[in-house]
């Protein structure tokens, strides 16, 4: 439950970001001249960079620890957008950080799902969590005309903070459920 909730909250905030990055970067002066294609291309490069970072991290750290970094980076980057919404350069930098976190998120959670959710039930379990994910995005987007752009990013920050909390709950429960390996201390080898 906690792993699915963490993924659902992260992706809900991520899909909201997809709809909200353009209004967050626009001003009255740059609305017609903002290089949307170049900005989006930079996002995709950062996502690829995140996947590359994953391939290095997975060699040196436990897969169970990697989401902690992902959630902290995502929460921090969305919080920066909320606090610095008028500084468009910092907003753009925060978006690049967030896209890097997304690049780490996808392979990390794919690995966790394959490790902890049995293959026969994986699709059904994860599809169940699409319901709150989609509900989150729909509610935020339906209410968008009543919300300031930085308020939407505050909601995304809260969703990422919840995602981090849910993941930590999952990690704690997974650690308790994993049986300890027997130690060799005190065992006679018969020699």
Protein backbone atom coordinates (compact mmCIF):
# COMPACT_ATOMS: atom_id res chain seq x y z
CA UNK A 1 0.00 0.00 0.00
CA UNK A 2 2.72 2.46 0.96
CA UNK A 3 4.79 1.82 -2.16
CA UNK A 4 1.75 2.33 -4.38
CA UNK A 5 0.75 5.48 -2.48
CA UNK A 6 4.27 6.90 -2.83
CA UNK A 7 4.30 6.26 -6.56
CA UNK A 8 0.76 7.59 -7.01
CA UNK A 9 1.47 10.86 -5.18
CA UNK A 10 4.75 11.40 -7.04
CA UNK A 11 3.18 10.78 -10.44
CA UNK A 12 0.10 12.87 -9.63
CA UNK A 13 2.30 15.86 -8.85
CA UNK A 14 4.45 15.07 -11.90
CA UNK A 15 1.45 15.05 -14.27
CA UNK A 16 0.24 18.30 -12.73
CA UNK A 17 3.70 19.74 -13.42
CA UNK A 18 3.29 18.75 -17.09
CA UNK A 19 0.28 21.06 -17.34
CA UNK A 20 1.73 23.86 -15.20
CA UNK A 21 5.32 24.40 -16.30
CA UNK A 22 4.40 26.77 -19.13
CA UNK A 23 2.30 29.17 -17.01
CA UNK A 24 5.02 29.10 -14.34
CA UNK A 25 7.66 30.29 -16.81
CA UNK A 26 5.50 32.79 -18.70
CA UNK A 27 5.41 36.51 -18.09
CA UNK A 28 3.53 39.19 -19.99
CA UNK A 29 6.81 40.08 -21.74
CA UNK A 30 8.02 36.58 -22.71
CA UNK A 31 4.73 34.79 -23.41
CA UNK A 32 5.15 34.98 -27.18
CA UNK A 33 8.93 34.53 -27.28
CA UNK A 34 9.55 31.77 -24.73
CA UNK A 35 11.44 28.92 -26.49
CA UNK A 36 9.05 26.15 -25.44
CA UNK A 37 10.67 23.48 -27.63
CA UNK A 38 14.15 24.18 -26.30
CA UNK A 39 12.89 24.19 -22.72
CA UNK A 40 11.11 20.87 -23.22
CA UNK A 41 14.21 19.40 -24.88
CA UNK A 42 16.28 20.45 -21.83
CA UNK A 43 13.71 18.70 -19.61
CA UNK A 44 14.14 15.49 -21.59
CA UNK A 45 17.94 15.76 -21.36
CA UNK A 46 17.64 16.10 -17.57
CA UNK A 47 15.33 13.09 -17.44
CA UNK A 48 17.93 11.10 -19.38
CA UNK A 49 20.62 12.42 -17.04
CA UNK A 50 18.56 11.14 -14.11
CA UNK A 51 18.40 7.67 -15.65
CA UNK A 52 22.17 7.77 -16.09
CA UNK A 53 22.59 8.83 -12.45
CA UNK A 54 20.40 5.85 -11.49
CA UNK A 55 22.73 3.46 -13.30
CA UNK A 56 25.68 4.80 -11.28
CA UNK A 57 23.83 4.95 -7.94
CA UNK A 58 22.45 1.43 -8.21
CA UNK A 59 26.04 0.12 -8.12
CA UNK A 60 26.88 1.90 -4.89
CA UNK A 61 23.70 2.14 -2.84
CA UNK A 62 20.76 -0.03 -1.93
CA UNK A 63 17.71 0.29 -4.18
CA UNK A 64 15.67 0.87 -1.00
CA UNK A 65 17.67 4.04 -0.23
CA UNK A 66 17.48 5.64 -3.68
CA UNK A 67 13.85 6.85 -3.44
CA UNK A 68 14.76 8.91 -0.39
CA UNK A 69 17.04 11.04 -2.60
CA UNK A 70 14.44 11.18 -5.36
CA UNK A 71 11.68 12.36 -3.03
CA UNK A 72 13.90 14.93 -1.33
CA UNK A 73 14.99 16.34 -4.69
CA UNK A 74 11.42 16.46 -6.00
CA UNK A 75 10.04 18.07 -2.84
CA UNK A 76 12.86 20.60 -2.74
CA UNK A 77 12.53 21.54 -6.42
CA UNK A 78 8.76 22.03 -6.25
CA UNK A 79 9.15 24.00 -3.01
CA UNK A 80 11.67 26.26 -4.73
CA UNK A 81 9.15 26.95 -7.49
CA UNK A 82 6.53 27.87 -4.90
CA UNK A 83 8.88 30.20 -3.02
CA UNK A 84 10.64 31.76 -6.03
CA UNK A 85 7.81 31.93 -8.59
CA UNK A 86 8.77 35.48 -9.64
CA UNK A 87 12.40 34.52 -10.38
CA UNK A 88 11.94 32.73 -13.71
CA UNK A 89 15.59 31.63 -13.93
CA UNK A 90 15.29 29.85 -10.56
CA UNK A 91 11.93 28.37 -11.56
CA UNK A 92 13.55 26.96 -14.71
CA UNK A 93 16.51 25.61 -12.70
CA UNK A 94 14.04 23.98 -10.26
CA UNK A 95 12.24 22.35 -13.17
CA UNK A 96 15.53 20.94 -14.45
CA UNK A 97 16.21 19.48 -10.99
CA UNK A 98 12.73 18.01 -10.92
CA UNK A 99 13.13 16.39 -14.33
CA UNK A 100 16.41 14.87 -13.14
CA UNK A 101 14.54 13.44 -10.14
CA UNK A 102 11.95 12.00 -12.56
CA UNK A 103 14.73 10.33 -14.52
CA UNK A 104 15.90 8.59 -11.35
CA UNK A 105 12.32 7.87 -10.21
CA UNK A 106 11.20 5.70 -13.12
CA UNK A 107 13.91 3.01 -13.02
CA UNK A 108 14.03 3.11 -9.21
CA UNK A 109 10.33 2.45 -8.78
CA UNK A 110 10.33 -0.08 -11.61
CA UNK A 111 13.00 -2.03 -9.74
CA UNK A 112 11.14 -1.75 -6.43
CA UNK A 113 7.89 -2.94 -7.99
CA UNK A 114 9.60 -5.97 -9.50
CA UNK A 115 11.25 -6.76 -6.18
CA UNK A 116 8.29 -6.32 -3.83
CA UNK A 117 5.09 -6.84 -5.83
CA UNK A 118 4.56 -10.36 -7.19
CA UNK A 119 4.48 -10.45 -10.98
CA UNK A 120 1.04 -12.05 -11.14
CA UNK A 121 -0.56 -9.23 -9.14
CA UNK A 122 1.69 -6.31 -10.17
CA UNK A 123 -0.53 -4.91 -12.93
CA UNK A 124 -3.71 -5.11 -10.84
CA UNK A 125 -2.07 -3.56 -7.79
CA UNK A 126 -0.52 -0.69 -9.69
CA UNK A 127 -3.69 -0.05 -11.72
CA UNK A 128 -5.54 0.33 -8.43
CA UNK A 129 -3.25 3.23 -7.58
CA UNK A 130 -4.04 4.95 -10.89
CA UNK A 131 -7.40 5.91 -9.38
CA UNK A 132 -6.04 8.34 -6.72
CA UNK A 133 -3.32 9.50 -9.14
CA UNK A 134 -5.88 10.50 -11.79
CA UNK A 135 -8.27 11.91 -9.18
CA UNK A 136 -5.50 14.17 -7.86
CA UNK A 137 -4.68 15.52 -11.32
CA UNK A 138 -8.33 16.02 -12.30
CA UNK A 139 -9.24 17.84 -9.08
CA UNK A 140 -6.25 20.18 -9.32
CA UNK A 141 -6.86 20.93 -12.99
CA UNK A 142 -10.61 21.46 -12.52
CA UNK A 143 -9.85 23.98 -9.76
CA UNK A 144 -6.97 25.60 -11.67
CA UNK A 145 -8.93 28.73 -12.57
CA UNK A 146 -9.33 29.46 -8.84
CA UNK A 147 -5.68 28.84 -7.93
CA UNK A 148 -2.59 30.96 -8.45
CA UNK A 149 0.25 29.17 -10.24
CA UNK A 150 2.45 29.08 -7.16
CA UNK A 151 -0.43 27.62 -5.13
CA UNK A 152 -0.53 24.70 -7.56
CA UNK A 153 3.18 24.18 -6.96
CA UNK A 154 2.58 24.31 -3.20
CA UNK A 155 0.07 21.48 -3.70
CA UNK A 156 2.69 19.60 -5.74
CA UNK A 157 5.25 20.16 -2.98
CA UNK A 158 2.81 18.71 -0.45
CA UNK A 159 2.14 15.72 -2.72
CA UNK A 160 5.88 15.07 -3.00
CA UNK A 161 6.31 15.40 0.77
CA UNK A 162 3.47 12.89 1.23
CA UNK A 163 5.15 10.63 -1.31
CA UNK A 164 8.39 10.77 0.69
CA UNK A 165 6.51 9.96 3.90
CA UNK A 166 4.69 7.03 2.28
CA UNK A 167 7.94 5.68 0.89
CA UNK A 168 9.63 5.87 4.30
CA UNK A 169 6.68 3.95 5.76
CA UNK A 170 7.09 1.33 3.04
CA UNK A 171 10.83 1.04 3.67
CA UNK A 172 10.29 0.62 7.42
CA UNK A 173 7.67 -2.10 6.88
CA UNK A 174 9.78 -3.85 4.24
CA UNK A 175 12.79 -3.89 6.59
CA UNK A 176 10.69 -5.46 9.37
CA UNK A 177 9.18 -8.04 7.00
CA UNK A 178 12.52 -9.17 5.59
CA UNK A 179 13.82 -12.06 7.68
CA UNK A 180 17.32 -11.67 9.04
CA UNK A 181 19.92 -13.91 7.47
CA UNK A 182 21.41 -16.45 9.87
CA UNK A 183 24.83 -15.57 11.16
CA UNK A 184 27.73 -17.96 11.35
CA UNK A 185 28.75 -16.82 14.83
CA UNK A 186 28.74 -19.71 17.26
CA UNK A 187 28.17 -22.37 14.59
CA UNK A 188 30.62 -25.21 14.70
CA UNK A 189 31.96 -26.44 11.37
CA UNK A 190 32.86 -29.82 12.82
CA UNK A 191 36.62 -29.48 12.16
